[in-house]
Amino acid sequence: MPDILIADDHSAVRHGLALLTRRAIGEQGSIDFASSGEEVLERLNRKEYCLLLSDLVMPDRRGIGLIGEALAVQPDLRIIVISVGPEEDFAPRCMQAGAFAYINKGAEDDKFIEMISAVHDGKVTSRKKNVVEAAPVPDLKTLASFDDLSKREREIVSLLLKGMGVLEIANSLSISASAASTLKGRAFQKLNVQSVVDLTRLAYYHGLHSDGES
């Protein structure tokens, strides 16, 4: 069963990416985590992975060199770079180094899911256009409080943080998909977030979320 490795030095980002990855590929394989470049290489030397989602900037390694080091260990590994760096600067260099795709951390959830699914399923045949752009991730200190949400909006947010999509939330709360989507939009607007990754980071910032990483 193909397994996935997610690497970022922030646990909130790792968990948010795991939620989106599950929505992209379902329950296929296991998801492991690494918080440093060294841990990425250690895990790659111990276990075979089909996909690596990795930040470029971690405490012990900064830059595109990690892509080449990872591919030297597992040449068939598909790599998606997740970063806040400007796409016009970093994306072409990442592709040239061997990454399959580049996603800005501030991208919308649907864009994350679409790209992760395409790379995981082998539908990506060219690296040239696999760049998902977005505005920078917002400063958490400027974001609104969860107290600003209505009771129903808090329910929506809670289920999103559990990895549910809009249809699953609608079924869980016995409301229409349209209503669930509207409530999600209102909650995101009040919290000034653009994606589940942003939402997860905010939840960690307020001490409202815990993860179960392996």
Protein backbone atom coordinates (compact mmCIF):
# COMPACT_ATOMS: atom_id res chain seq x y z
CA MET A 1 0.00 0.00 0.00
CA PRO A 2 1.54 3.37 -1.01
CA ASP A 3 2.39 5.55 1.99
CA ILE A 4 2.83 9.30 2.28
CA LEU A 5 5.32 11.44 4.21
CA ILE A 6 4.46 15.00 5.28
CA ALA A 7 7.32 17.25 6.38
CA ASP A 8 7.04 20.64 8.06
CA ASP A 9 8.51 22.02 11.27
CA HIS A 10 5.08 23.25 12.45
CA SER A 11 2.76 20.55 13.79
CA ALA A 12 -0.34 22.56 12.89
CA VAL A 13 0.69 22.68 9.24
CA ARG A 14 1.50 18.96 9.22
CA HIS A 15 -1.90 18.13 10.64
CA GLY A 16 -3.72 20.46 8.26
CA LEU A 17 -1.94 18.90 5.28
CA ALA A 18 -2.85 15.44 6.56
CA LEU A 19 -6.54 16.40 6.66
CA LEU A 20 -6.40 17.66 3.08
CA THR A 21 -4.43 14.61 1.94
CA ARG A 22 -7.07 12.28 3.34
CA ARG A 23 -9.74 14.24 1.49
CA ALA A 24 -7.66 13.94 -1.68
CA ILE A 25 -6.88 10.22 -1.61
CA GLY A 26 -9.24 8.70 0.95
CA GLU A 27 -7.93 6.12 3.39
CA GLN A 28 -5.27 4.66 1.09
CA GLY A 29 -1.98 3.91 2.82
CA SER A 30 -0.61 5.51 5.96
CA ILE A 31 0.58 9.06 6.56
CA ASP A 32 3.82 9.64 8.45
CA PHE A 33 5.31 12.92 9.63
CA ALA A 34 8.72 14.56 9.81
CA SER A 35 9.62 17.85 11.47
CA SER A 36 13.09 18.32 9.97
CA GLY A 37 15.08 17.59 6.84
CA GLU A 38 17.17 15.05 8.71
CA GLU A 39 14.05 13.21 9.84
CA VAL A 40 12.80 13.17 6.23
CA LEU A 41 15.96 11.40 5.10
CA GLU A 42 15.89 9.02 8.07
CA ARG A 43 12.33 7.97 7.27
CA LEU A 44 13.09 7.60 3.55
CA ASN A 45 15.98 5.30 4.40
CA ARG A 46 13.74 3.12 6.57
CA LYS A 47 10.55 2.95 4.52
CA GLU A 48 9.35 3.34 0.95
CA TYR A 49 6.94 6.20 0.19
CA CYS A 50 5.06 7.11 -2.95
CA LEU A 51 4.60 10.79 -2.09
CA LEU A 52 6.41 13.45 -0.06
CA LEU A 53 4.76 16.77 0.83
CA SER A 54 7.48 19.00 2.18
CA ASP A 55 8.24 22.55 3.18
CA LEU A 56 11.55 23.92 1.92
CA VAL A 57 12.52 25.77 5.07
CA MET A 58 13.13 23.71 8.20
CA PRO A 59 15.53 24.28 11.10
CA ASP A 60 18.29 21.98 9.86
CA ARG A 61 17.84 22.39 6.10
CA ARG A 62 16.90 25.40 4.02
CA GLY A 63 16.40 25.40 0.29
CA ILE A 64 15.89 23.16 -2.65
CA GLY A 65 18.75 20.79 -1.82
CA LEU A 66 16.41 18.55 0.18
CA ILE A 67 14.61 17.59 -3.04
CA GLY A 68 17.77 16.13 -4.55
CA GLU A 69 18.75 14.42 -1.29
CA ALA A 70 15.33 12.79 -1.03
CA LEU A 71 15.41 11.60 -4.65
CA ALA A 72 18.90 10.18 -4.14
CA VAL A 73 17.40 7.87 -1.51
CA GLN A 74 14.17 7.07 -3.38
CA PRO A 75 14.43 7.99 -7.09
CA ASP A 76 10.76 7.21 -7.82
CA LEU A 77 9.45 9.42 -5.01
CA ARG A 78 6.89 12.03 -6.07
CA ILE A 79 7.51 15.32 -4.30
CA ILE A 80 5.13 18.22 -3.78
CA VAL A 81 6.74 21.33 -2.32
CA ILE A 82 4.54 23.28 0.10
CA SER A 83 5.90 26.76 0.78
CA VAL A 84 5.13 30.45 1.25
CA GLY A 85 7.95 31.51 -1.08
CA PRO A 86 7.05 33.49 -4.23
CA GLU A 87 5.99 31.10 -6.98
CA GLU A 88 7.83 32.94 -9.74
CA ASP A 89 11.12 32.46 -7.88
CA PHE A 90 10.87 29.09 -6.15
CA ALA A 91 8.51 27.01 -8.31
CA PRO A 92 10.70 26.72 -11.45
CA ARG A 93 13.74 25.82 -9.36
CA CYS A 94 11.78 23.18 -7.45
CA MET A 95 10.57 21.60 -10.69
CA GLN A 96 14.07 21.63 -12.12
CA ALA A 97 15.35 19.90 -8.99
CA GLY A 98 12.80 17.11 -9.46
CA ALA A 99 9.62 18.12 -7.62
CA PHE A 100 6.31 17.26 -9.28
CA ALA A 101 4.41 20.30 -8.03
CA TYR A 102 4.60 23.48 -5.97
CA ILE A 103 1.73 24.67 -3.77
CA ASN A 104 1.64 27.94 -1.86
CA LYS A 105 0.62 27.36 1.77
CA GLY A 106 -2.10 29.96 1.39
CA ALA A 107 -3.83 28.12 -1.46
CA GLU A 108 -7.51 27.26 -1.25
CA ASP A 109 -8.40 23.78 0.00
CA ASP A 110 -9.78 22.62 -3.35
CA LYS A 111 -6.48 23.49 -5.05
CA PHE A 112 -4.51 21.49 -2.47
CA ILE A 113 -6.82 18.51 -2.86
CA GLU A 114 -6.78 18.63 -6.66
CA MET A 115 -2.99 18.74 -6.90
CA ILE A 116 -2.34 16.13 -4.21
CA SER A 117 -4.80 13.77 -5.87
CA ALA A 118 -3.32 14.29 -9.33
CA VAL A 119 0.28 13.71 -8.24
CA HIS A 120 -0.62 10.76 -6.01
CA ASP A 121 -2.63 9.04 -8.74
CA GLY A 122 0.08 9.50 -11.36
CA LYS A 123 -1.99 11.88 -13.49
CA VAL A 124 0.77 14.48 -13.56
CA THR A 125 2.94 14.07 -16.64
CA SER A 126 4.54 17.51 -16.87
CA ARG A 127 6.07 19.60 -14.10
CA LYS A 128 5.85 22.90 -15.95
CA LYS A 129 2.32 23.96 -15.00
CA ASN A 130 1.88 22.33 -11.60
CA VAL A 131 2.05 25.51 -9.56
CA VAL A 132 -0.75 26.56 -7.23
CA GLU A 133 -0.54 30.23 -6.37
CA ALA A 134 -2.05 32.02 -3.40
CA ALA A 135 -1.73 35.01 -1.14
CA PRO A 136 0.70 34.61 1.77
CA VAL A 137 -0.55 32.84 4.89
CA PRO A 138 -2.02 35.47 7.23
CA ASP A 139 -0.39 36.49 10.50
CA LEU A 140 -2.17 34.51 13.22
CA LYS A 141 -2.04 37.45 15.62
CA THR A 142 -4.31 39.45 13.31
CA LEU A 143 -6.97 36.76 13.01
CA ALA A 144 -10.34 36.85 14.75
CA SER A 145 -11.31 34.67 17.69
CA PHE A 146 -13.41 31.52 17.50
CA ASP A 147 -15.71 33.31 19.95
CA ASP A 148 -16.92 35.41 17.01
CA LEU A 149 -18.56 32.34 15.45
CA SER A 150 -22.16 31.30 15.91
CA LYS A 151 -22.91 27.93 17.51
CA ARG A 152 -23.59 26.36 14.11
CA GLU A 153 -20.45 27.87 12.59
CA ARG A 154 -18.40 26.42 15.45
CA GLU A 155 -19.93 23.01 14.72
CA ILE A 156 -18.88 23.37 11.08
CA VAL A 157 -15.34 24.35 12.06
CA SER A 158 -15.08 21.45 14.51
CA LEU A 159 -16.04 18.96 11.81
CA LEU A 160 -13.65 20.53 9.29
CA LEU A 161 -10.84 20.06 11.81
CA LYS A 162 -11.79 16.38 12.01
CA GLY A 163 -11.16 16.07 8.29
CA MET A 164 -14.74 16.12 7.02
CA GLY A 165 -15.70 17.66 3.70
CA VAL A 166 -18.80 19.75 3.04
CA LEU A 167 -20.99 16.79 2.03
CA GLU A 168 -19.98 14.77 5.09
CA ILE A 169 -20.69 17.77 7.32
CA ALA A 170 -24.08 18.28 5.71
CA ASN A 171 -25.01 14.64 6.37
CA SER A 172 -23.67 14.76 9.91
CA LEU A 173 -25.68 17.87 10.80
CA SER A 174 -28.73 16.94 8.69
CA ILE A 175 -28.53 20.12 6.63
CA SER A 176 -28.15 20.71 2.91
CA ALA A 177 -24.73 20.80 1.26
CA SER A 178 -25.50 24.37 0.20
CA ALA A 179 -26.18 25.40 3.80
CA ALA A 180 -22.99 23.68 4.99
CA SER A 181 -20.96 25.44 2.30
CA THR A 182 -22.48 28.82 3.21
CA LEU A 183 -21.74 28.31 6.91
CA LYS A 184 -18.17 27.28 6.10
CA GLY A 185 -17.74 30.42 4.02
CA ARG A 186 -19.09 32.62 6.80
CA ALA A 187 -16.82 31.00 9.37
CA PHE A 188 -13.76 31.40 7.13
CA GLN A 189 -14.67 35.04 6.50
CA LYS A 190 -15.05 35.80 10.21
CA LEU A 191 -11.77 34.05 11.01
CA ASN A 192 -10.00 35.58 8.00
CA VAL A 193 -8.70 32.20 6.83
CA GLN A 194 -8.57 30.80 3.30
CA SER A 195 -8.08 27.07 3.83
CA VAL A 196 -8.18 24.17 6.27
CA VAL A 197 -4.42 24.55 6.69
CA ASP A 198 -4.95 28.16 7.86
CA LEU A 199 -7.84 27.03 10.06
CA THR A 200 -5.75 24.30 11.68
CA ARG A 201 -2.92 26.72 12.40
CA LEU A 202 -5.41 29.10 14.00
CA ALA A 203 -6.88 26.31 16.12
CA TYR A 204 -3.40 25.40 17.39
CA TYR A 205 -2.69 29.06 18.07
CA HIS A 206 -5.75 29.23 20.32
CA GLY A 207 -5.01 25.85 21.92
CA LEU A 208 -8.13 24.26 20.46
CA HIS A 209 -6.59 21.35 18.58
CA SER A 210 -4.37 18.37 19.20
CA ASP A 211 -2.87 15.91 16.76
CA GLY A 212 -2.07 12.24 16.79
CA GLU A 213 1.07 12.02 14.74
CA SER A 214 3.03 8.83 14.41
